């Protein structure tokens, strides 16, 4: 794939690539991939199709938070 950038666009890409420790090719690939993935319809993502689970006993949200995040200090 090839593309053309205006001088200022190229300078911006080169600057960001340098700051991130990437080549211009790597930075362009990363930008294209992130842009492509941002267009995915989230309704098709299996994560968003998960159904809630009903537990046999009621658990308070604070207990879940304590388990996940530890005790508040």
PDB file of N, CA and C in Angstrom:
ATOM      1  N   UNK A   1       0.847  -1.166   0.000  1.00  0.00           N
ATOM      2  CA  UNK A   1       0.000   0.000   0.000  1.00  0.00           C
ATOM      3  C   UNK A   1       0.895   1.232   0.000  1.00  0.00           C
ATOM      4  N   UNK A   2       0.491   2.222  -0.729  1.00  0.00           N
ATOM      5  CA  UNK A   2       1.213   3.483  -0.756  1.00  0.00           C
ATOM      6  C   UNK A   2       0.218   4.618  -0.595  1.00  0.00           C
ATOM      7  N   UNK A   3       0.703   5.702  -0.022  1.00  0.00           N
ATOM      8  CA  UNK A   3      -0.120   6.890   0.116  1.00  0.00           C
ATOM      9  C   UNK A   3       0.767   8.112   0.067  1.00  0.00           C
ATOM     10  N   UNK A   4       0.151   9.239  -0.083  1.00  0.00           N
ATOM     11  CA  UNK A   4       0.886  10.496  -0.100  1.00  0.00           C
ATOM     12  C   UNK A   4       0.378  11.371   1.026  1.00  0.00           C
ATOM     13  N   UNK A   5       1.305  12.066   1.671  1.00  0.00           N
ATOM     14  CA  UNK A   5       0.962  12.992   2.738  1.00  0.00           C
ATOM     15  C   UNK A   5       1.460  14.378   2.381  1.00  0.00           C
ATOM     16  N   UNK A   6       0.717  15.364   2.824  1.00  0.00           N
ATOM     17  CA  UNK A   6       1.209  16.734   2.703  1.00  0.00           C
ATOM     18  C   UNK A   6       2.427  16.859   3.615  1.00  0.00           C
ATOM     19  N   UNK A   7       3.237  17.866   3.392  1.00  0.00           N
ATOM     20  CA  UNK A   7       4.465  18.032   4.160  1.00  0.00           C
ATOM     21  C   UNK A   7       4.194  18.116   5.666  1.00  0.00           C
ATOM     22  N   UNK A   8       3.190  18.910   6.043  1.00  0.00           N
ATOM     23  CA  UNK A   8       2.877  19.055   7.470  1.00  0.00           C
ATOM     24  C   UNK A   8       2.358  17.746   8.064  1.00  0.00           C
ATOM     25  N   UNK A   9       1.589  16.985   7.299  1.00  0.00           N
ATOM     26  CA  UNK A   9       1.093  15.692   7.772  1.00  0.00           C
ATOM     27  C   UNK A   9       2.263  14.734   8.008  1.00  0.00           C
ATOM     28  N   UNK A  10       3.201  14.731   7.067  1.00  0.00           N
ATOM     29  CA  UNK A  10       4.371  13.881   7.191  1.00  0.00           C
ATOM     30  C   UNK A  10       5.203  14.272   8.407  1.00  0.00           C
ATOM     31  N   UNK A  11       5.405  15.564   8.589  1.00  0.00           N
ATOM     32  CA  UNK A  11       6.185  16.045   9.735  1.00  0.00           C
ATOM     33  C   UNK A  11       5.527  15.643  11.054  1.00  0.00           C
ATOM     34  N   UNK A  12       4.217  15.739  11.117  1.00  0.00           N
ATOM     35  CA  UNK A  12       3.488  15.334  12.318  1.00  0.00           C
ATOM     36  C   UNK A  12       3.661  13.842  12.571  1.00  0.00           C
ATOM     37  N   UNK A  13       3.490  13.028  11.542  1.00  0.00           N
ATOM     38  CA  UNK A  13       3.666  11.583  11.669  1.00  0.00           C
ATOM     39  C   UNK A  13       5.086  11.255  12.097  1.00  0.00           C
ATOM     40  N   UNK A  14       6.074  11.882  11.482  1.00  0.00           N
ATOM     41  CA  UNK A  14       7.473  11.632  11.811  1.00  0.00           C
ATOM     42  C   UNK A  14       7.770  12.025  13.255  1.00  0.00           C
ATOM     43  N   UNK A  15       7.212  13.121  13.693  1.00  0.00           N
ATOM     44  CA  UNK A  15       7.426  13.601  15.055  1.00  0.00           C
ATOM     45  C   UNK A  15       6.848  12.625  16.077  1.00  0.00           C
ATOM     46  N   UNK A  16       5.629  12.178  15.834  1.00  0.00           N
ATOM     47  CA  UNK A  16       4.987  11.226  16.752  1.00  0.00           C
ATOM     48  C   UNK A  16       5.732   9.900  16.740  1.00  0.00           C
ATOM     49  N   UNK A  17       6.132   9.434  15.567  1.00  0.00           N
ATOM     50  CA  UNK A  17       6.870   8.176  15.456  1.00  0.00           C
ATOM     51  C   UNK A  17       8.163   8.245  16.257  1.00  0.00           C
ATOM     52  N   UNK A  18       8.883   9.337  16.116  1.00  0.00           N
ATOM     53  CA  UNK A  18      10.140   9.507  16.839  1.00  0.00           C
ATOM     54  C   UNK A  18       9.901   9.504  18.347  1.00  0.00           C
ATOM     55  N   UNK A  19       8.887  10.230  18.781  1.00  0.00           N
ATOM     56  CA  UNK A  19       8.561  10.304  20.205  1.00  0.00           C
ATOM     57  C   UNK A  19       8.210   8.931  20.775  1.00  0.00           C
ATOM     58  N   UNK A  20       7.530   8.109  19.968  1.00  0.00           N
ATOM     59  CA  UNK A  20       7.102   6.778  20.408  1.00  0.00           C
ATOM     60  C   UNK A  20       8.171   5.705  20.170  1.00  0.00           C
ATOM     61  N   UNK A  21       9.285   6.090  19.562  1.00  0.00           N
ATOM     62  CA  UNK A  21      10.346   5.123  19.278  1.00  0.00           C
ATOM     63  C   UNK A  21       9.997   4.170  18.153  1.00  0.00           C
ATOM     64  N   UNK A  22       9.209   4.641  17.205  1.00  0.00           N
ATOM     65  CA  UNK A  22       8.767   3.824  16.068  1.00  0.00           C
ATOM     66  C   UNK A  22       9.344   4.371  14.775  1.00  0.00           C
ATOM     67  N   UNK A  23       9.419   3.497  13.774  1.00  0.00           N
ATOM     68  CA  UNK A  23       9.707   3.996  12.436  1.00  0.00           C
ATOM     69  C   UNK A  23       8.431   4.625  11.883  1.00  0.00           C
ATOM     70  N   UNK A  24       8.562   5.376  10.827  1.00  0.00           N
ATOM     71  CA  UNK A  24       7.373   5.976  10.213  1.00  0.00           C
ATOM     72  C   UNK A  24       6.440   4.876   9.709  1.00  0.00           C
ATOM     73  N   UNK A  25       7.004   3.815   9.164  1.00  0.00           N
ATOM     74  CA  UNK A  25       6.201   2.693   8.681  1.00  0.00           C
ATOM     75  C   UNK A  25       5.414   2.055   9.830  1.00  0.00           C
ATOM     76  N   UNK A  26       6.076   1.828  10.969  1.00  0.00           N
ATOM     77  CA  UNK A  26       5.397   1.238  12.126  1.00  0.00           C
ATOM     78  C   UNK A  26       4.302   2.155  12.662  1.00  0.00           C
ATOM     79  N   UNK A  27       4.599   3.451  12.716  1.00  0.00           N
ATOM     80  CA  UNK A  27       3.607   4.412  13.220  1.00  0.00           C
ATOM     81  C   UNK A  27       2.393   4.469  12.292  1.00  0.00           C
ATOM     82  N   UNK A  28       2.631   4.461  10.989  1.00  0.00           N
ATOM     83  CA  UNK A  28       1.529   4.499  10.026  1.00  0.00           C
ATOM     84  C   UNK A  28       0.691   3.228  10.129  1.00  0.00           C
ATOM     85  N   UNK A  29       1.349   2.087  10.267  1.00  0.00           N
ATOM     86  CA  UNK A  29       0.627   0.812  10.402  1.00  0.00           C
ATOM     87  C   UNK A  29      -0.227   0.824  11.670  1.00  0.00           C
ATOM     88  N   UNK A  30       0.356   1.287  12.775  1.00  0.00           N
ATOM     89  CA  UNK A  30      -0.369   1.352  14.042  1.00  0.00           C
ATOM     90  C   UNK A  30      -1.583   2.278  13.926  1.00  0.00           C
ATOM     91  N   UNK A  31      -1.405   3.432  13.309  1.00  0.00           N
ATOM     92  CA  UNK A  31      -2.507   4.384  13.134  1.00  0.00           C
ATOM     93  C   UNK A  31      -3.620   3.780  12.280  1.00  0.00           C
ATOM     94  N   UNK A  32      -3.254   3.118  11.190  1.00  0.00           N
ATOM     95  CA  UNK A  32      -4.254   2.500  10.314  1.00  0.00           C
ATOM     96  C   UNK A  32      -5.000   1.383  11.037  1.00  0.00           C
ATOM     97  N   UNK A  33      -4.284   0.583  11.801  1.00  0.00           N
ATOM     98  CA  UNK A  33      -4.929  -0.508  12.531  1.00  0.00           C
ATOM     99  C   UNK A  33      -5.904   0.042  13.575  1.00  0.00           C
ATOM    100  N   UNK A  34      -5.473   1.028  14.349  1.00  0.00           N
ATOM    101  CA  UNK A  34      -6.358   1.619  15.358  1.00  0.00           C
ATOM    102  C   UNK A  34      -7.582   2.255  14.705  1.00  0.00           C
ATOM    103  N   UNK A  35      -7.388   2.917  13.591  1.00  0.00           N
ATOM    104  CA  UNK A  35      -8.502   3.543  12.879  1.00  0.00           C
ATOM    105  C   UNK A  35      -9.459   2.466  12.364  1.00  0.00           C
ATOM    106  N   UNK A  36      -8.906   1.399  11.802  1.00  0.00           N
ATOM    107  CA  UNK A  36      -9.747   0.319  11.272  1.00  0.00           C
ATOM    108  C   UNK A  36     -10.565  -0.336  12.375  1.00  0.00           C
ATOM    109  N   UNK A  37      -9.927  -0.597  13.516  1.00  0.00           N
ATOM    110  CA  UNK A  37     -10.622  -1.248  14.625  1.00  0.00           C
ATOM    111  C   UNK A  37     -11.675  -0.346  15.246  1.00  0.00           C
ATOM    112  N   UNK A  38     -11.487   0.950  15.154  1.00  0.00           N
ATOM    113  CA  UNK A  38     -12.461   1.866  15.749  1.00  0.00           C
ATOM    114  C   UNK A  38     -13.788   1.844  14.986  1.00  0.00           C
ATOM    115  N   UNK A  39     -13.789   1.301  13.789  1.00  0.00           N
ATOM    116  CA  UNK A  39     -15.006   1.238  12.984  1.00  0.00           C
ATOM    117  C   UNK A  39     -15.805  -0.031  13.181  1.00  0.00           C
ATOM    118  N   UNK A  40     -15.350  -0.907  14.080  1.00  0.00           N
ATOM    119  CA  UNK A  40     -16.055  -2.164  14.315  1.00  0.00           C
ATOM    120  C   UNK A  40     -17.362  -1.891  15.051  1.00  0.00           C
ATOM    121  N   UNK A  41     -18.418  -2.524  14.609  1.00  0.00           N
ATOM    122  CA  UNK A  41     -19.714  -2.400  15.250  1.00  0.00           C
ATOM    123  C   UNK A  41     -19.680  -3.167  16.568  1.00  0.00           C
ATOM    124  N   UNK A  42     -19.823  -2.461  17.688  1.00  0.00           N
ATOM    125  CA  UNK A  42     -19.728  -3.092  18.996  1.00  0.00           C
ATOM    126  C   UNK A  42     -20.848  -4.100  19.239  1.00  0.00           C
ATOM    127  N   UNK A  43     -21.927  -4.013  18.504  1.00  0.00           N
ATOM    128  CA  UNK A  43     -22.998  -5.001  18.654  1.00  0.00           C
ATOM    129  C   UNK A  43     -22.522  -6.385  18.236  1.00  0.00           C
ATOM    130  N   UNK A  44     -21.475  -6.452  17.415  1.00  0.00           N
ATOM    131  CA  UNK A  44     -20.931  -7.728  16.967  1.00  0.00           C
ATOM    132  C   UNK A  44     -19.859  -8.261  17.916  1.00  0.00           C
ATOM    133  N   UNK A  45     -19.445  -7.460  18.882  1.00  0.00           N
ATOM    134  CA  UNK A  45     -18.405  -7.864  19.825  1.00  0.00           C
ATOM    135  C   UNK A  45     -19.007  -8.808  20.865  1.00  0.00           C
ATOM    136  N   UNK A  46     -18.467 -10.015  21.016  1.00  0.00           N
ATOM    137  CA  UNK A  46     -19.034 -10.976  21.960  1.00  0.00           C
ATOM    138  C   UNK A  46     -19.033 -10.477  23.404  1.00  0.00           C
ATOM    139  N   UNK A  47     -18.116  -9.603  23.761  1.00  0.00           N
ATOM    140  CA  UNK A  47     -18.078  -9.064  25.117  1.00  0.00           C
ATOM    141  C   UNK A  47     -19.388  -8.377  25.478  1.00  0.00           C
ATOM    142  N   UNK A  48     -19.983  -7.699  24.512  1.00  0.00           N
ATOM    143  CA  UNK A  48     -21.211  -6.957  24.762  1.00  0.00           C
ATOM    144  C   UNK A  48     -22.465  -7.822  24.636  1.00  0.00           C
ATOM    145  N   UNK A  49     -22.274  -9.109  24.393  1.00  0.00           N
ATOM    146  CA  UNK A  49     -23.408 -10.032  24.327  1.00  0.00           C
ATOM    147  C   UNK A  49     -23.515 -10.885  25.586  1.00  0.00           C
ATOM    148  N   UNK A  50     -22.625 -10.641  26.556  1.00  0.00           N
ATOM    149  CA  UNK A  50     -22.659 -11.408  27.798  1.00  0.00           C
ATOM    150  C   UNK A  50     -23.939 -11.113  28.567  1.00  0.00           C
ATOM    151  N   UNK A  51     -24.472 -12.131  29.189  1.00  0.00           N
ATOM    152  CA  UNK A  51     -25.685 -11.994  29.996  1.00  0.00           C
ATOM    153  C   UNK A  51     -25.297 -12.002  31.475  1.00  0.00           C
ATOM    154  N   UNK A  52     -26.043 -11.285  32.314  1.00  0.00           N
ATOM    155  CA  UNK A  52     -25.745 -11.299  33.748  1.00  0.00           C
ATOM    156  C   UNK A  52     -25.961 -12.690  34.345  1.00  0.00           C
ATOM    157  N   UNK A  53     -25.227 -12.962  35.398  1.00  0.00           N
ATOM    158  CA  UNK A  53     -25.342 -14.240  36.089  1.00  0.00           C
ATOM    159  C   UNK A  53     -26.094 -14.022  37.397  1.00  0.00           C
ATOM    160  N   UNK A  54     -27.029 -14.906  37.681  1.00  0.00           N
ATOM    161  CA  UNK A  54     -27.751 -14.852  38.955  1.00  0.00           C
ATOM    162  C   UNK A  54     -27.074 -15.812  39.920  1.00  0.00           C
ATOM    163  N   UNK A  55     -26.674 -15.289  41.072  1.00  0.00           N
ATOM    164  CA  UNK A  55     -26.052 -16.105  42.101  1.00  0.00           C
ATOM    165  C   UNK A  55     -27.124 -16.639  43.044  1.00  0.00           C
ATOM    166  N   UNK A  56     -26.807 -17.710  43.733  1.00  0.00           N
ATOM    167  CA  UNK A  56     -27.747 -18.296  44.682  1.00  0.00           C
ATOM    168  C   UNK A  56     -27.936 -17.414  45.899  1.00  0.00           C
ATOM    169  N   UNK A  57     -26.920 -16.685  46.262  1.00  0.00           N
ATOM    170  CA  UNK A  57     -27.039 -15.796  47.407  1.00  0.00           C
ATOM    171  C   UNK A  57     -26.718 -14.369  46.959  1.00  0.00           C
ATOM    172  N   UNK A  58     -27.263 -13.420  47.679  1.00  0.00           N
ATOM    173  CA  UNK A  58     -27.045 -12.020  47.331  1.00  0.00           C
ATOM    174  C   UNK A  58     -25.684 -11.573  47.852  1.00  0.00           C
ATOM    175  N   UNK A  59     -24.962 -10.886  47.018  1.00  0.00           N
ATOM    176  CA  UNK A  59     -23.643 -10.371  47.381  1.00  0.00           C
ATOM    177  C   UNK A  59     -23.682  -8.860  47.228  1.00  0.00           C
ATOM    178  N   UNK A  60     -23.264  -8.171  48.260  1.00  0.00           N
ATOM    179  CA  UNK A  60     -23.261  -6.713  48.220  1.00  0.00           C
ATOM    180  C   UNK A  60     -22.174  -6.217  47.272  1.00  0.00           C
ATOM    181  N   UNK A  61     -22.475  -5.112  46.595  1.00  0.00           N
ATOM    182  CA  UNK A  61     -21.492  -4.522  45.693  1.00  0.00           C
ATOM    183  C   UNK A  61     -20.193  -4.204  46.409  1.00  0.00           C
ATOM    184  N   UNK A  62     -20.304  -3.737  47.661  1.00  0.00           N
ATOM    185  CA  UNK A  62     -19.099  -3.385  48.415  1.00  0.00           C
ATOM    186  C   UNK A  62     -18.205  -4.608  48.629  1.00  0.00           C
ATOM    187  N   UNK A  63     -18.810  -5.803  48.786  1.00  0.00           N
ATOM    188  CA  UNK A  63     -18.021  -7.020  48.945  1.00  0.00           C
ATOM    189  C   UNK A  63     -17.303  -7.377  47.651  1.00  0.00           C
ATOM    190  N   UNK A  64     -17.973  -7.180  46.541  1.00  0.00           N
ATOM    191  CA  UNK A  64     -17.344  -7.432  45.242  1.00  0.00           C
ATOM    192  C   UNK A  64     -16.195  -6.448  45.028  1.00  0.00           C
ATOM    193  N   UNK A  65     -16.442  -5.175  45.332  1.00  0.00           N
ATOM    194  CA  UNK A  65     -15.388  -4.163  45.194  1.00  0.00           C
ATOM    195  C   UNK A  65     -14.189  -4.491  46.074  1.00  0.00           C
ATOM    196  N   UNK A  66     -14.449  -4.927  47.309  1.00  0.00           N
ATOM    197  CA  UNK A  66     -13.365  -5.259  48.230  1.00  0.00           C
ATOM    198  C   UNK A  66     -12.546  -6.422  47.668  1.00  0.00           C
ATOM    199  N   UNK A  67     -13.221  -7.403  47.088  1.00  0.00           N
ATOM    200  CA  UNK A  67     -12.524  -8.546  46.504  1.00  0.00           C
ATOM    201  C   UNK A  67     -11.691  -8.112  45.288  1.00  0.00           C
ATOM    202  N   UNK A  68     -12.279  -7.289  44.434  1.00  0.00           N
ATOM    203  CA  UNK A  68     -11.591  -6.881  43.213  1.00  0.00           C
ATOM    204  C   UNK A  68     -10.477  -5.869  43.462  1.00  0.00           C
ATOM    205  N   UNK A  69     -10.736  -4.914  44.320  1.00  0.00           N
ATOM    206  CA  UNK A  69      -9.832  -3.772  44.476  1.00  0.00           C
ATOM    207  C   UNK A  69      -9.116  -3.735  45.812  1.00  0.00           C
ATOM    208  N   UNK A  70      -9.408  -4.652  46.712  1.00  0.00           N
ATOM    209  CA  UNK A  70      -8.786  -4.666  48.022  1.00  0.00           C
ATOM    210  C   UNK A  70      -9.519  -3.732  48.976  1.00  0.00           C
ATOM    211  N   UNK A  71      -9.137  -3.798  50.239  1.00  0.00           N
ATOM    212  CA  UNK A  71      -9.780  -2.964  51.258  1.00  0.00           C
ATOM    213  C   UNK A  71      -9.404  -1.506  51.045  1.00  0.00           C
ATOM    214  N   UNK A  72     -10.357  -0.646  51.324  1.00  0.00           N
ATOM    215  CA  UNK A  72     -10.086   0.802  51.240  1.00  0.00           C
ATOM    216  C   UNK A  72      -9.171   1.188  52.371  1.00  0.00           C
ATOM    217  N   UNK A  73      -8.273   2.095  52.078  1.00  0.00           N
ATOM    218  CA  UNK A  73      -7.323   2.517  53.108  1.00  0.00           C
ATOM    219  C   UNK A  73      -7.602   3.892  53.597  1.00  0.00           C
TER     220      UNK A  73
END
